[in-house]
Protein backbone atom coordinates (compact mmCIF):
# COMPACT_ATOMS: atom_id res chain seq x y z
CA PHE A 1 25.47 17.99 5.63
CA TYR A 2 22.72 16.57 3.41
CA SER A 3 22.88 13.63 1.11
CA VAL A 4 20.56 13.55 -1.89
CA GLY A 5 20.13 10.58 -4.18
CA ILE A 6 19.63 11.65 -7.77
CA ASP A 7 18.02 8.96 -9.82
CA SER A 8 17.06 10.42 -13.17
CA VAL A 9 18.52 13.54 -14.75
CA VAL A 10 17.24 15.17 -17.93
CA VAL A 11 19.11 17.97 -19.64
CA ASP A 12 16.93 19.92 -22.08
CA ASN A 13 18.38 23.07 -23.70
CA GLY A 14 20.83 23.45 -20.85
CA VAL A 15 18.18 23.07 -18.09
CA VAL A 16 18.73 20.19 -15.68
CA SER A 17 15.66 18.39 -14.31
CA LEU A 18 15.95 15.92 -11.44
CA CYS A 19 13.49 13.16 -10.66
CA GLU A 20 13.95 12.07 -7.06
CA MET A 21 13.20 8.46 -6.14
CA PRO A 22 10.61 8.06 -3.33
CA VAL A 23 11.69 6.47 -0.04
CA ILE A 24 9.63 3.48 1.07
CA ASP A 25 8.93 3.86 4.78
CA SER A 26 7.16 0.54 5.33
CA VAL A 27 5.04 -2.20 3.78
CA THR A 28 2.35 -4.01 5.75
CA SER A 29 0.52 -7.12 4.65
CA THR A 30 -2.39 -9.41 5.38
CA GLU A 31 -3.19 -12.74 3.72
CA THR A 32 -4.38 -11.05 0.50
CA THR A 33 -3.16 -7.43 0.61
CA ALA A 34 0.05 -5.42 0.82
CA THR A 35 0.08 -1.70 1.61
CA VAL A 36 3.11 0.42 0.81
CA PHE A 37 3.78 3.72 2.62
CA PHE A 38 6.42 6.04 1.18
CA SER A 39 7.82 9.56 1.40
CA SER A 40 8.45 12.00 -1.41
CA SER A 41 8.26 15.71 -2.12
CA LEU A 42 6.63 15.02 -5.49
CA SER A 43 2.97 14.36 -6.29
CA ASP A 44 2.77 11.80 -9.10
CA TYR A 45 3.88 8.19 -8.75
CA GLU A 46 3.63 4.72 -10.14
CA VAL A 47 3.36 1.62 -7.98
CA ALA A 48 3.77 -2.02 -8.95
CA ILE A 49 4.01 -5.42 -7.31
CA VAL A 50 5.55 -8.65 -8.59
CA GLN A 51 5.53 -12.11 -7.12
CA GLY A 52 9.04 -13.04 -6.08
CA GLU A 53 12.07 -10.97 -7.03
CA TRP A 54 11.89 -7.56 -8.73
CA ASN A 55 12.67 -7.77 -12.43
CA GLY A 56 12.57 -4.07 -13.26
CA SER A 57 10.46 -4.39 -16.41
CA VAL A 58 7.02 -3.81 -14.92
CA THR A 59 4.09 -1.59 -15.74
CA GLY A 60 3.13 0.68 -12.88
CA THR A 61 -0.25 1.96 -11.72
CA PRO A 62 -0.43 5.78 -11.58
CA ILE A 63 -1.29 7.24 -8.14
CA THR A 64 -1.03 10.60 -6.38
CA ALA A 65 -1.11 9.50 -2.71
CA THR A 66 1.94 8.38 -0.72
CA HIS A 67 0.41 5.00 0.08
CA TYR A 68 -1.25 2.25 -1.92
CA THR A 69 -2.89 -1.08 -1.16
CA PHE A 70 -2.45 -4.00 -3.53
CA THR A 71 -5.32 -6.51 -3.31
CA GLY A 72 -6.03 -10.02 -4.54
CA LEU A 73 -2.68 -11.42 -3.43
CA THR A 74 -1.98 -15.03 -2.45
CA ALA A 75 -1.41 -15.92 1.21
CA ALA A 76 2.10 -16.91 2.38
CA THR A 77 3.68 -15.69 -0.86
CA PRO A 78 6.77 -13.48 -1.30
CA TYR A 79 6.28 -10.28 -3.31
CA THR A 80 8.35 -7.23 -4.17
CA VAL A 81 6.67 -3.82 -4.13
CA GLY A 82 7.98 -0.97 -6.27
CA VAL A 83 7.36 2.79 -6.21
CA ARG A 84 8.74 5.44 -8.52
CA ALA A 85 8.16 9.14 -9.01
CA MET A 86 6.77 10.46 -12.27
CA CYS A 87 8.26 13.83 -13.12
CA GLU A 88 7.80 16.34 -15.94
CA ASP A 89 8.33 15.38 -19.57
CA ASP A 90 7.63 11.67 -18.90
CA VAL A 91 10.78 11.36 -16.80
CA ALA A 92 10.56 8.71 -14.09
CA SER A 93 12.83 8.03 -11.15
CA GLU A 94 14.34 4.64 -10.52
CA TRP A 95 12.08 2.15 -8.72
CA ALA A 96 12.37 2.00 -4.93
CA THR A 97 11.62 -1.60 -3.91
CA TRP A 98 10.72 -3.53 -0.77
CA SER A 99 10.24 -7.26 -0.27
CA VAL A 100 7.24 -8.54 1.70
CA THR A 101 5.59 -11.91 2.28
CA THR A 102 1.84 -12.04 2.73
CA ALA A 103 0.53 -13.56 5.93
CA GLU A 104 -0.30 -17.23 6.10
CA HIS A 105 -3.90 -18.28 6.20
CA PRO A 106 -4.55 -19.31 9.79
CA CYS A 107 -5.47 -22.90 10.47
CA LEU A 108 -8.60 -22.46 12.54
CA MET A 109 -9.84 -25.19 14.83
CA PRO A 110 -13.37 -26.62 14.66
CA THR A 111 -15.90 -25.49 17.25
CA ASN A 112 -18.86 -27.06 19.02
CA VAL A 113 -17.29 -30.51 19.42
CA GLU A 114 -20.08 -32.58 20.91
CA LEU A 115 -21.31 -36.06 21.68
CA VAL A 116 -24.29 -36.62 19.38
CA SER A 117 -25.23 -40.10 20.61
CA ASN A 118 -23.71 -43.09 22.32
CA THR A 119 -24.21 -46.73 23.25
CA LEU A 120 -22.34 -48.80 25.82
CA THR A 121 -19.42 -49.35 23.40
CA SER A 122 -19.64 -46.59 20.78
CA ALA A 123 -20.12 -42.85 20.39
CA VAL A 124 -20.94 -40.45 17.58
CA ILE A 125 -18.98 -37.21 17.75
CA ASP A 126 -19.62 -34.15 15.60
CA TRP A 127 -18.30 -30.59 15.30
CA THR A 128 -18.60 -27.41 13.27
CA PRO A 129 -15.73 -26.89 10.79
CA ALA A 130 -14.05 -23.50 11.18
CA GLU A 131 -14.32 -22.83 7.44
CA ALA A 132 -16.41 -24.37 4.68
CA GLU A 133 -13.31 -25.59 2.81
CA ASN A 134 -12.00 -27.53 5.83
CA ASP A 135 -12.32 -31.21 4.94
CA THR A 136 -9.61 -33.06 6.87
CA TRP A 137 -9.30 -33.42 10.63
CA ALA A 138 -7.28 -35.30 13.21
CA ILE A 139 -9.33 -36.81 16.01
CA LYS A 140 -7.83 -38.02 19.28
CA ILE A 141 -9.86 -39.98 21.81
CA THR A 142 -8.31 -41.16 25.08
CA GLY A 143 -9.50 -42.73 28.31
CA ALA A 144 -8.87 -45.72 30.64
CA GLY A 145 -6.30 -47.51 28.51
CA PHE A 146 -8.01 -46.51 25.26
CA LYS A 147 -6.22 -44.32 22.75
CA LEU A 148 -7.30 -43.54 19.22
CA LEU A 149 -5.64 -41.11 16.83
CA ASP A 150 -7.10 -40.95 13.35
CA THR A 151 -7.12 -38.70 10.31
CA ILE A 152 -10.61 -38.35 8.86
CA THR A 153 -12.34 -36.58 6.00
CA THR A 154 -16.00 -36.80 7.07
CA HIS A 155 -18.02 -35.90 10.11
CA PRO A 156 -19.79 -36.90 12.28
CA TYR A 157 -17.35 -39.58 13.40
CA THR A 158 -18.31 -42.89 15.01
CA VAL A 159 -15.86 -44.49 17.43
CA ASN A 160 -16.30 -48.13 18.45
CA GLY A 161 -14.64 -50.31 21.09
CA LEU A 162 -15.39 -48.09 24.07
CA THR A 163 -15.93 -49.40 27.60
CA ALA A 164 -19.17 -48.67 29.47
CA ASN A 165 -19.06 -46.25 32.42
CA THR A 166 -15.70 -44.78 31.35
CA ASP A 167 -14.79 -41.12 30.83
CA TYR A 168 -13.17 -40.24 27.52
CA SER A 169 -11.48 -37.10 26.24
CA VAL A 170 -12.06 -36.02 22.64
CA GLN A 171 -9.93 -33.56 20.66
CA VAL A 172 -10.57 -32.55 17.05
CA MET A 173 -8.23 -30.34 15.05
CA THR A 174 -8.19 -29.13 11.48
CA ILE A 175 -5.40 -30.36 9.23
CA CYS A 176 -4.39 -27.48 6.97
């Protein structure tokens, strides 16, 4: 027993033409791309992507492969991908759709946290931001009854009020 979905039917001079809708097998995504993989016995297709919900009135991009990668997307954003077959006489199947959300941009931590200089009661701490656009950090400094937690927008950072001959722990993390 086989089940066949017929999406578009054209009758021309008594001849019936069917245009079978492709089957989307999967959609993978990164922060800025979405790749659709689909199955079909046909050879001409249109693909489209919309942000949010599918509205049906879209213009597709013609392709002949059974996969396509959309680029230039926004991270952590929901999209709907559509694929349809293009048959003879400008007949198109219905759109097969699949919802996908692009990956979030990872919040990478700074590297090379180091003590640049110090006195008996202060220290200058610096680090390398993970990405050029990182401009806000949380810094935590603890040791021997001393605790500092601060949100900062510049580096290096100078901490005052330290006690001589005391070990301190420093943690810096990016605020995304």
